[in-house]
Structure formats: C-alpha cells, structure tokens
Amino acid sequence: MGKLIEGQKQSKRARHATERRSLDVNWHVWLFVALAAPVIAGARLLRSERSAATGRLVFVPVGSPTMKDRVRMAAAEVWERTLVAPLRVGTGWCGDALALSWPMADPARLGEIQQYLREVSREADGAAAVVRALPKASPSKIPTLAAGVHATLERLLAIGESERAAHAIVTHLRHEIDSTAAADLPGMARAQAVAYGAAAVRARLLADAIS
C-alpha cells in the first residue's frame, strides 16, 4: 500500500511538472508572437573587394553609398599613400574594387567638411614652420614659440572633435608628437616638423579626394 501511495505521489508530481512546462512553452510562444521583432537601427550591408594598388580590402556598401562612405573610402586611400603601404605582388588576386556611382552630395555639407580639412592643413603647416625655426630662435623666445605650437595642437584636436573626417588625422598627429623622443632641440624640432607636415598633407589630400 505504501509503495502504491508513493507511486501516486510521484505520478502527480510528474503531471504537475509537465503542466508547468506546457505553460512555460505557451507563455514563451505568446511572447514571441505578441512582441515586435527586434530591429537594429542604422545597420547596413557591406561587401569586400580588393583595392587596385595594395590588395587592401575595401568595404563597399550594398546599395547607394553615403557621404560617410565617400569620406571613409577616400581617407583609406590617403592613409595608404602617405604611409607608403607596400604594393601587392604576385598573381591570384581578386578583382579590383568597382567604381562607385556617388549620389549628388549636399554642397553645404561637402563644403563644410572641406573647410575643416583645409583649416587643419593651414594650422599644421604653420606649426611645422614654427617648429623648424625653434633651433635657431633665441633662448628667450623658445618658450613663447613652443606655447604657440602647443596651442595650435589644441586647436587641431578641437577641430577633430567637431569634424569626424579630421579626427583620425589630428589624433595620429597627437600620438606622434607625444611619442617624440630626441636627445636635443634640433632632433625634436625635425621630428615634430615632419609630423605636422604629414598631417597637413593628409588633410589637403582628403579635402581634394572628396571633391
């Protein structure tokens, strides 16, 4: 009799567990049907293709490219040229990136981006000239000139925060300036002048490339 009662209890517990699982499944199904499907805002599809010179993967949007794509892809070409990326060799490469049909850009937005980039170029060129003159300056003028160059760097960083197209250029410049290690003033001046000059060239090239 005891075993029979225990068996009935186990059967009852199993039945209750089955009912609970059934309720859980029904609840989840109801949630799945009742709630809206999640949507990823701003997602886009990109396809990869090979660039002509170096074999770099170019990520091309599926559909109409935007102004951001235009700046992004032009910036990649500028960095490739100014950092002297090695050319591809051998055979067996994929096809080159397709020529994109760019939509008509907003003239006001395009002009704004180019204005920021040309301002970066002017400021960096000016800083390079001042830095090159530091070794020949009198000791009393060096602190003033150095403070002016630092103020220029701060202005460039502010431009990079205002305009995304200039951000990578001025951030790379700051890292180069911060990592300059030279034993004397002429060596430091040469290294920093090269860094400012390279930033000016990149900004100028990018402004022209997105025209």
Protein backbone atom coordinates (compact mmCIF):
# COMPACT_ATOMS: atom_id res chain seq x y z
CA MET A 1 0.00 0.00 0.00
CA GLY A 2 2.84 2.36 0.88
CA LYS A 3 4.51 1.82 -2.49
CA LEU A 4 1.20 2.47 -4.25
CA ILE A 5 0.70 5.78 -2.44
CA GLU A 6 4.30 6.81 -3.16
CA GLY A 7 3.81 5.91 -6.84
CA GLN A 8 0.66 8.03 -6.99
CA LYS A 9 2.52 10.96 -5.46
CA GLN A 10 5.35 10.66 -8.00
CA SER A 11 2.82 10.43 -10.83
CA LYS A 12 1.05 13.55 -9.56
CA ARG A 13 4.34 15.46 -9.29
CA ALA A 14 5.32 14.41 -12.82
CA ARG A 15 1.93 15.53 -14.14
CA HIS A 16 2.28 18.92 -12.44
CA ALA A 17 5.81 19.34 -13.85
CA THR A 18 4.52 18.53 -17.34
CA GLU A 19 1.74 21.09 -16.96
CA ARG A 20 4.22 23.74 -15.79
CA ARG A 21 6.49 23.06 -18.79
CA SER A 22 3.49 23.31 -21.08
CA LEU A 23 2.53 26.66 -19.52
CA ASP A 24 6.11 27.91 -19.90
CA VAL A 25 6.19 26.93 -23.58
CA ASN A 26 2.81 28.56 -24.21
CA TRP A 27 3.94 31.72 -22.42
CA HIS A 28 7.14 31.95 -24.49
CA VAL A 29 5.21 31.32 -27.70
CA TRP A 30 2.75 34.05 -26.75
CA LEU A 31 5.60 36.47 -26.08
CA PHE A 32 7.25 35.59 -29.39
CA VAL A 33 4.01 36.22 -31.28
CA ALA A 34 2.82 39.25 -29.32
CA LEU A 35 6.02 41.32 -29.16
CA ALA A 36 7.51 43.12 -32.14
CA ALA A 37 10.66 41.64 -33.65
CA PRO A 38 13.86 43.49 -32.65
CA VAL A 39 15.24 45.92 -35.20
CA ILE A 40 18.90 47.02 -35.44
CA ALA A 41 18.83 50.73 -36.20
CA GLY A 42 21.30 52.07 -38.75
CA ALA A 43 22.58 48.66 -39.87
CA ARG A 44 23.91 48.37 -43.42
CA LEU A 45 25.34 45.60 -45.55
CA LEU A 46 28.89 45.90 -46.86
CA ARG A 47 30.74 43.76 -49.37
CA SER A 48 34.51 43.48 -49.52
CA GLU A 49 36.60 43.93 -52.65
CA ARG A 50 40.30 44.36 -53.37
CA SER A 51 41.87 47.77 -53.92
CA ALA A 52 43.99 48.22 -57.02
CA ALA A 53 47.43 49.02 -55.65
CA THR A 54 47.98 47.23 -52.35
CA GLY A 55 45.38 44.49 -52.16
CA ARG A 56 43.68 46.21 -49.20
CA LEU A 57 40.11 45.10 -48.60
CA VAL A 58 37.67 47.85 -49.49
CA PHE A 59 34.28 47.60 -47.80
CA VAL A 60 31.71 48.87 -50.28
CA PRO A 61 28.09 49.44 -49.23
CA VAL A 62 25.39 47.34 -50.82
CA GLY A 63 23.06 49.93 -52.27
CA SER A 64 23.64 53.66 -52.53
CA PRO A 65 26.85 54.90 -50.83
CA THR A 66 26.52 57.86 -48.47
CA MET A 67 28.68 60.88 -47.77
CA LYS A 68 30.22 58.99 -44.85
CA ASP A 69 31.22 56.20 -47.24
CA ARG A 70 32.75 58.75 -49.57
CA VAL A 71 34.90 60.24 -46.79
CA ARG A 72 35.77 56.82 -45.31
CA MET A 73 36.97 55.33 -48.57
CA ALA A 74 38.84 58.47 -49.62
CA ALA A 75 40.55 58.59 -46.22
CA ALA A 76 41.70 54.98 -46.63
CA GLU A 77 43.34 55.91 -49.94
CA VAL A 78 45.02 58.95 -48.35
CA TRP A 79 46.45 56.91 -45.46
CA GLU A 80 47.64 54.27 -47.89
CA ARG A 81 49.51 56.86 -49.94
CA THR A 82 51.01 58.85 -47.08
CA LEU A 83 52.09 55.83 -45.02
CA VAL A 84 53.62 54.28 -48.15
CA ALA A 85 51.80 50.94 -47.95
CA PRO A 86 53.65 48.17 -49.84
CA LEU A 87 52.29 47.29 -53.27
CA ARG A 88 50.82 43.86 -53.89
CA VAL A 89 52.90 41.31 -55.74
CA GLY A 90 52.25 38.02 -57.50
CA THR A 91 49.06 36.73 -59.07
CA GLY A 92 45.79 35.28 -57.90
CA TRP A 93 44.30 38.48 -56.52
CA CYS A 94 40.60 39.17 -56.56
CA GLY A 95 39.07 41.77 -58.84
CA ASP A 96 39.65 45.41 -58.09
CA ALA A 97 37.04 47.50 -56.28
CA LEU A 98 34.23 48.64 -58.51
CA ALA A 99 33.95 52.31 -59.39
CA LEU A 100 31.08 53.64 -57.32
CA SER A 101 28.37 55.89 -58.65
CA TRP A 102 28.31 58.51 -55.91
CA PRO A 103 24.99 60.25 -55.22
CA MET A 104 24.85 64.02 -55.53
CA ALA A 105 26.48 65.32 -52.33
CA ASP A 106 24.94 68.09 -50.29
CA PRO A 107 27.09 71.07 -51.38
CA ALA A 108 26.80 72.72 -47.97
CA ARG A 109 27.92 69.60 -46.09
CA LEU A 110 30.70 68.85 -48.56
CA GLY A 111 31.96 72.42 -48.29
CA GLU A 112 31.85 72.25 -44.51
CA ILE A 113 33.98 69.09 -44.41
CA GLN A 114 36.48 70.55 -46.87
CA GLN A 115 36.67 73.78 -44.88
CA TYR A 116 37.55 71.88 -41.71
CA LEU A 117 40.17 69.80 -43.52
CA ARG A 118 41.78 72.85 -45.13
CA GLU A 119 41.85 74.57 -41.76
CA VAL A 120 43.71 71.54 -40.36
CA SER A 121 46.14 71.78 -43.27
CA ARG A 122 46.80 75.50 -42.69
CA GLU A 123 47.22 75.14 -38.94
CA ALA A 124 49.53 72.14 -39.26
CA ASP A 125 51.64 73.84 -41.93
CA GLY A 126 52.01 76.88 -39.70
CA ALA A 127 53.02 74.76 -36.72
CA ALA A 128 55.59 72.89 -38.83
CA ALA A 129 57.19 76.22 -39.86
CA VAL A 130 57.38 77.41 -36.25
CA VAL A 131 58.84 74.11 -35.02
CA ARG A 132 61.52 74.18 -37.72
CA ALA A 133 62.53 77.66 -36.53
CA LEU A 134 62.91 76.66 -32.87
CA PRO A 135 66.61 75.61 -33.01
CA LYS A 136 67.57 78.99 -34.46
CA ALA A 137 65.46 81.07 -32.08
CA SER A 138 66.95 82.91 -29.13
CA PRO A 139 66.55 81.13 -25.78
CA SER A 140 64.21 83.87 -24.55
CA LYS A 141 61.78 83.29 -27.45
CA ILE A 142 61.71 79.48 -27.36
CA PRO A 143 59.08 79.19 -24.55
CA THR A 144 56.73 81.57 -26.37
CA LEU A 145 57.12 79.74 -29.68
CA ALA A 146 56.65 76.35 -28.02
CA ALA A 147 53.49 77.58 -26.29
CA GLY A 148 52.15 78.76 -29.63
CA VAL A 149 52.78 75.36 -31.20
CA HIS A 150 51.03 73.65 -28.30
CA ALA A 151 48.05 75.98 -28.70
CA THR A 152 47.92 75.03 -32.38
CA LEU A 153 47.82 71.34 -31.46
CA GLU A 154 44.92 72.03 -29.09
CA ARG A 155 43.03 73.82 -31.89
CA LEU A 156 43.65 70.90 -34.22
CA LEU A 157 42.34 68.43 -31.65
CA ALA A 158 39.23 70.60 -31.20
CA ILE A 159 38.65 70.50 -34.97
CA GLY A 160 38.96 66.72 -34.85
CA GLU A 161 36.23 66.60 -32.21
CA SER A 162 33.98 68.85 -34.33
CA GLU A 163 34.51 67.08 -37.67
CA ARG A 164 34.81 63.31 -37.87
CA ALA A 165 36.64 63.45 -41.20
CA ALA A 166 39.58 65.20 -39.48
CA HIS A 167 39.56 63.12 -36.31
CA ALA A 168 41.96 60.36 -37.38
CA ILE A 169 44.44 62.87 -38.86
CA VAL A 170 44.76 65.01 -35.73
CA THR A 171 44.66 62.04 -33.35
CA HIS A 172 47.54 60.39 -35.22
CA LEU A 173 49.40 63.70 -35.08
CA ARG A 174 48.95 63.93 -31.31
CA HIS A 175 50.30 60.39 -30.85
CA GLU A 176 53.32 61.25 -33.00
CA ILE A 177 54.01 64.43 -31.01
CA ASP A 178 53.58 62.67 -27.66
CA SER A 179 55.92 59.85 -28.69
CA THR A 180 58.69 62.10 -29.99
CA ALA A 181 61.94 61.19 -28.26
CA ALA A 182 65.00 63.25 -29.17
CA ALA A 183 68.22 63.95 -27.34
CA ASP A 184 68.38 67.61 -28.33
CA LEU A 185 66.25 70.51 -29.58
CA PRO A 186 67.20 70.18 -33.28
CA GLY A 187 66.27 66.48 -33.30
CA MET A 188 62.94 67.17 -31.57
CA ALA A 189 62.19 70.02 -33.96
CA ARG A 190 62.89 67.87 -37.03
CA ALA A 191 60.67 65.02 -35.80
CA GLN A 192 57.76 67.29 -34.88
CA ALA A 193 58.03 69.32 -38.08
CA VAL A 194 57.73 66.10 -40.09
CA ALA A 195 54.67 65.07 -38.05
CA TYR A 196 52.91 68.43 -38.52
CA GLY A 197 53.83 68.50 -42.21
CA ALA A 198 52.42 64.99 -42.76
CA ALA A 199 49.15 65.96 -41.06
CA ALA A 200 48.87 68.99 -43.34
CA VAL A 201 49.41 66.84 -46.44
CA ARG A 202 46.81 64.26 -45.34
CA ALA A 203 44.19 66.90 -44.66
CA ARG A 204 44.85 68.57 -48.02
CA LEU A 205 44.71 65.27 -49.92
CA LEU A 206 41.47 64.24 -48.24
CA ALA A 207 39.82 67.59 -48.98
CA ASP A 208 40.70 67.18 -52.65
CA ALA A 209 39.74 63.48 -52.79
CA ILE A 210 36.13 64.04 -51.69
CA SER A 211 35.51 66.86 -54.17
